[in-house]
Protein backbone atom coordinates (compact mmCIF):
# COMPACT_ATOMS: atom_id res chain seq x y z
CA MET A 1 37.82 -30.96 -4.62
CA ILE A 2 34.81 -30.93 -1.54
CA TYR A 3 34.95 -34.92 -1.05
CA LYS A 4 38.81 -34.46 -0.50
CA ASN A 5 38.72 -31.61 2.29
CA ILE A 6 36.64 -33.54 4.29
CA CYS A 7 38.47 -36.63 3.94
CA ASP A 8 41.17 -34.51 5.19
CA LYS A 9 39.91 -32.74 7.74
CA ILE A 10 39.20 -36.50 9.53
CA LYS A 11 42.29 -37.85 9.26
CA ASN A 12 43.42 -34.59 9.97
CA ASN A 13 40.95 -35.37 13.15
CA LYS A 14 38.80 -32.78 12.89
CA LYS A 15 35.26 -33.44 13.30
CA GLN A 16 32.97 -31.00 10.64
CA LEU A 17 30.56 -28.72 11.31
CA ALA A 18 27.20 -28.20 8.10
CA VAL A 19 24.43 -25.76 8.36
CA LEU A 20 21.38 -27.09 6.42
CA ILE A 21 19.34 -23.90 4.59
CA ASP A 22 15.54 -24.44 3.50
CA PRO A 23 15.33 -21.91 0.97
CA ASP A 24 11.33 -21.74 1.54
CA LYS A 25 11.97 -20.25 5.02
CA TYR A 26 14.02 -17.66 3.63
CA ASN A 27 14.28 -15.06 1.24
CA GLU A 28 16.91 -12.09 -0.07
CA ASN A 29 16.33 -9.92 3.00
CA THR A 30 16.59 -12.87 5.66
CA ILE A 31 18.76 -14.79 4.67
CA LYS A 32 21.47 -12.04 5.05
CA PRO A 33 21.93 -11.95 9.46
CA LEU A 34 22.29 -15.94 8.86
CA VAL A 35 24.82 -15.95 6.03
CA LYS A 36 26.55 -12.58 7.90
CA ILE A 37 27.04 -15.13 10.95
CA LEU A 38 27.68 -17.41 9.05
CA SER A 39 31.00 -15.71 7.32
CA ASN A 40 31.71 -15.54 11.23
CA VAL A 41 31.84 -18.82 12.63
CA ASN A 42 33.40 -21.27 12.07
CA ILE A 43 30.99 -23.18 9.70
CA ASP A 44 32.61 -26.58 7.42
CA LEU A 45 30.14 -26.80 4.80
CA ILE A 46 26.31 -24.99 3.90
CA PHE A 47 23.61 -27.66 2.56
CA ILE A 48 21.02 -25.88 0.17
CA GLY A 49 17.21 -27.81 0.34
CA GLY A 50 14.27 -29.75 1.74
CA SER A 51 12.04 -32.16 1.02
CA LEU A 52 9.73 -29.24 -0.99
CA ILE A 53 10.43 -26.35 -2.13
CA SER A 54 7.78 -23.92 -3.93
CA LYS A 55 11.05 -21.13 -5.01
CA GLU A 56 14.27 -21.14 -7.06
CA PHE A 57 16.94 -21.03 -5.33
CA GLY A 58 19.63 -19.82 -7.08
CA ASP A 59 19.98 -16.03 -5.81
CA ILE A 60 19.83 -17.38 -1.99
CA ILE A 61 23.14 -19.85 -3.32
CA LYS A 62 24.42 -16.88 -5.18
CA HIS A 63 23.73 -14.43 -2.23
CA ILE A 64 25.34 -17.41 0.03
CA LYS A 65 28.68 -17.69 -2.53
CA GLU A 66 29.30 -13.83 -2.70
CA LYS A 67 29.67 -13.08 1.58
CA CYS A 68 31.13 -16.94 2.37
CA SER A 69 34.08 -19.12 1.30
CA VAL A 70 32.39 -22.18 2.20
CA PRO A 71 31.79 -24.98 0.41
CA VAL A 72 27.51 -24.79 -0.42
CA ILE A 73 26.52 -28.23 -1.21
CA ILE A 74 22.44 -28.73 -2.48
CA PHE A 75 20.67 -31.17 -0.18
CA PRO A 76 18.17 -32.53 -2.75
CA GLY A 77 14.28 -33.23 -1.70
CA SER A 78 13.66 -33.83 -5.84
CA LEU A 79 15.13 -34.25 -9.16
CA LEU A 80 14.41 -30.40 -9.32
CA GLN A 81 16.55 -29.30 -7.05
CA ILE A 82 19.62 -28.50 -9.15
CA SER A 83 21.87 -25.15 -9.38
CA ASN A 84 24.77 -25.10 -10.90
CA ASP A 85 25.46 -22.29 -8.74
CA ALA A 86 26.30 -24.33 -5.79
CA ASP A 87 29.63 -26.13 -5.23
CA GLY A 88 28.49 -29.85 -5.22
CA ILE A 89 25.53 -31.95 -4.70
CA LEU A 90 24.44 -34.44 -1.93
CA PHE A 91 23.98 -37.73 -4.55
CA LEU A 92 21.62 -39.50 -2.47
CA SER A 93 19.96 -42.58 -2.48
CA LEU A 94 17.41 -43.29 0.12
CA ILE A 95 19.07 -46.89 1.03
CA SER A 96 16.56 -46.89 4.79
CA GLY A 97 13.20 -47.54 2.22
CA ARG A 98 12.32 -49.34 -0.32
CA ASN A 99 10.52 -46.76 -2.92
CA PRO A 100 12.54 -47.78 -5.93
CA GLU A 101 12.24 -43.73 -7.51
CA TYR A 102 14.00 -42.15 -3.77
CA LEU A 103 16.49 -45.58 -4.19
CA ILE A 104 17.30 -45.53 -8.42
CA GLY A 105 14.20 -44.16 -9.86
CA ASN A 106 15.31 -39.69 -9.53
CA HIS A 107 18.87 -40.68 -9.88
CA VAL A 108 18.43 -41.83 -13.32
CA VAL A 109 16.05 -38.79 -14.84
CA ALA A 110 19.00 -36.14 -12.99
CA ALA A 111 21.89 -37.82 -13.96
CA PRO A 112 22.39 -36.53 -17.77
CA LEU A 113 21.86 -33.06 -15.64
CA LEU A 114 23.66 -33.92 -13.29
CA LYS A 115 26.93 -35.08 -15.99
CA LYS A 116 26.43 -32.11 -18.09
CA SER A 117 27.12 -29.24 -14.70
CA LYS A 118 30.10 -28.42 -12.73
CA LEU A 119 28.80 -30.16 -9.40
CA GLU A 120 30.74 -32.01 -7.24
CA ILE A 121 29.02 -35.00 -6.96
CA LEU A 122 29.01 -36.82 -3.52
CA PRO A 123 27.26 -40.01 -3.82
CA THR A 124 25.14 -40.58 -0.02
CA GLY A 125 23.46 -43.54 1.76
CA TYR A 126 20.30 -41.40 3.35
CA ILE A 127 19.25 -43.73 6.22
CA LEU A 128 16.67 -42.60 7.97
CA ILE A 129 16.10 -43.20 11.69
CA GLU A 130 12.77 -43.40 13.96
CA SER A 131 13.05 -40.38 15.63
CA GLY A 132 9.15 -40.19 17.40
CA ASN A 133 7.23 -37.63 15.09
CA LEU A 134 5.94 -38.03 11.02
CA THR A 135 9.04 -36.51 9.74
CA SER A 136 8.79 -33.55 6.07
CA VAL A 137 10.68 -36.80 4.36
CA GLU A 138 9.19 -39.46 5.78
CA TYR A 139 5.79 -38.26 4.18
CA ILE A 140 7.48 -36.66 0.81
CA SER A 141 9.21 -40.08 0.09
CA ASN A 142 6.64 -42.53 1.84
CA THR A 143 8.91 -44.45 3.51
CA LEU A 144 9.85 -46.17 7.11
CA PRO A 145 12.54 -44.75 9.32
CA ILE A 146 14.35 -47.87 10.81
CA PRO A 147 13.55 -48.24 14.65
CA ALA A 148 15.30 -46.16 16.58
CA ASN A 149 16.12 -49.64 18.35
CA LYS A 150 16.87 -51.89 15.67
CA VAL A 151 20.72 -51.11 15.70
CA ASP A 152 22.05 -54.27 14.32
CA ILE A 153 19.36 -53.15 10.81
CA ALA A 154 20.78 -49.86 10.46
CA VAL A 155 24.68 -51.15 10.84
CA ALA A 156 23.43 -53.85 7.97
CA THR A 157 22.34 -50.67 6.10
CA ALA A 158 24.84 -48.69 6.38
CA ILE A 159 27.09 -51.58 5.39
CA ALA A 160 25.52 -52.13 2.82
CA GLY A 161 25.51 -48.60 1.26
CA GLU A 162 29.18 -48.45 1.56
CA MET A 163 29.94 -51.20 -0.32
CA LEU A 164 27.60 -50.89 -3.32
CA GLY A 165 29.63 -47.52 -3.94
CA ASN A 166 28.35 -44.83 -2.30
CA LYS A 167 31.67 -42.68 -0.60
CA LEU A 168 28.79 -40.54 2.33
CA ILE A 169 26.33 -41.94 5.09
CA TYR A 170 23.73 -39.85 6.70
CA LEU A 171 21.75 -40.63 9.06
CA GLU A 172 18.79 -38.77 9.42
CA ALA A 173 16.32 -38.13 12.31
CA GLY A 174 14.93 -35.76 9.71
CA SER A 175 12.63 -31.89 9.40
CA GLY A 176 10.51 -32.20 13.24
CA ALA A 177 11.93 -34.25 14.68
CA LYS A 178 11.45 -35.26 18.81
CA TYR A 179 14.60 -37.02 18.74
CA TYR A 180 18.18 -36.22 17.24
CA VAL A 181 19.93 -39.70 15.85
CA ASN A 182 19.80 -43.02 18.80
CA LYS A 183 23.70 -42.72 19.92
CA ASN A 184 23.57 -46.44 19.48
CA ILE A 185 23.21 -46.23 16.20
CA ILE A 186 25.69 -43.93 15.68
CA SER A 187 28.37 -44.78 17.63
CA GLU A 188 28.16 -49.08 15.41
CA VAL A 189 27.34 -47.44 12.12
CA LYS A 190 30.81 -45.94 12.88
CA ASN A 191 32.59 -48.46 14.14
CA ASN A 192 31.21 -50.83 10.95
CA ILE A 193 32.27 -48.34 7.92
CA ASN A 194 35.16 -47.01 6.19
CA ILE A 195 33.63 -43.93 4.81
CA PRO A 196 32.68 -40.32 6.50
CA LEU A 197 29.18 -40.42 9.16
CA ILE A 198 26.68 -37.53 8.53
CA VAL A 199 24.49 -37.13 11.04
CA GLY A 200 21.16 -34.58 11.60
CA GLY A 201 17.85 -34.24 13.32
CA GLY A 202 17.20 -33.15 16.21
CA ILE A 203 19.42 -31.82 17.56
CA LYS A 204 19.04 -28.72 19.11
CA THR A 205 20.84 -27.96 22.32
CA ASN A 206 24.49 -28.35 22.89
CA GLU A 207 24.67 -30.82 25.18
CA GLU A 208 22.94 -32.64 22.02
CA ILE A 209 25.54 -31.95 19.26
CA SER A 210 28.48 -33.22 21.85
CA GLU A 211 26.41 -36.37 22.20
CA VAL A 212 26.53 -36.76 18.90
CA CYS A 213 30.36 -35.74 18.42
CA LYS A 214 31.15 -37.52 21.05
CA ALA A 215 29.00 -41.20 19.58
CA GLY A 216 31.08 -40.57 16.36
CA ALA A 217 29.75 -38.21 13.84
CA ASP A 218 32.04 -37.02 11.54
CA ILE A 219 29.43 -34.55 9.84
CA VAL A 220 26.95 -32.75 12.16
CA VAL A 221 23.87 -31.14 10.53
CA ILE A 222 22.28 -27.84 11.95
CA GLY A 223 18.82 -26.76 10.72
CA THR A 224 15.53 -26.40 11.81
CA ALA A 225 17.55 -25.14 15.18
CA ILE A 226 18.66 -21.83 14.44
CA GLU A 227 16.12 -20.85 11.68
CA LYS A 228 15.16 -18.95 15.07
CA GLU A 229 18.31 -18.16 17.21
CA HIS A 230 21.06 -17.82 14.32
CA GLY A 231 22.99 -17.45 17.63
CA LEU A 232 23.13 -20.57 18.80
CA LEU A 233 25.64 -21.14 15.56
CA LYS A 234 28.43 -20.11 16.89
CA GLY A 235 28.64 -22.29 20.17
CA PHE A 236 27.47 -25.08 18.06
CA SER A 237 30.58 -24.43 16.19
CA GLU A 238 32.68 -24.35 19.06
CA ILE A 239 31.38 -27.71 20.28
CA VAL A 240 32.40 -29.12 17.35
CA HIS A 241 35.78 -28.30 16.26
CA SER A 242 36.57 -28.94 19.59
CA PHE A 243 36.50 -32.35 19.85
CA ASN A 244 39.07 -35.21 18.67
CA TYR A 245 39.01 -38.27 17.08
């Protein structure tokens, strides 16, 4: 089980690296160089999805799974982003916003389909943090992020997400973020929840991924930074997996 493996690694003091792949940025040919690197670098999870996807992504998932043994998890931007070719799906509830469609509306529509699927469902409290730019997820979801200096609000939101039954908390700066999630928010949220903490968005350098790990992220997500420079993955992986709790 994906969730059990995530928790087991945390119990064994191992931080984890997830790579986020936006299928609109790739086709069957351009995905090959990235997949080759993924199959030779220590990666824990592969997320696939985006705020807006204009094409079927099942073939890309199949190609990834043919070459990699890493779990492929859908990171859905809408209820249309479901595929049985993946191993699991982040069942995201945008708990930092107040748009009912992203809190529960889309979930109700998708639930019968997911119930019949073979996907492992991973209930995830999704929290947007202000990052210096208007991000795709803010625009598409029509929600405001939590201000980067409002640590107390972020912490209270994460606690509420855990109390509601979410199995993961995801702090997100968003695609196109100018800054990654405030280190104080990461550390305070980590200190106040008892479920795994995912952090992503705006992480572009070795120094930044190191800071996010130090702050308390259990799983660090890298996406935009590797779209043009796949070679960054090896260094990112070495940094994440060198950390102990």
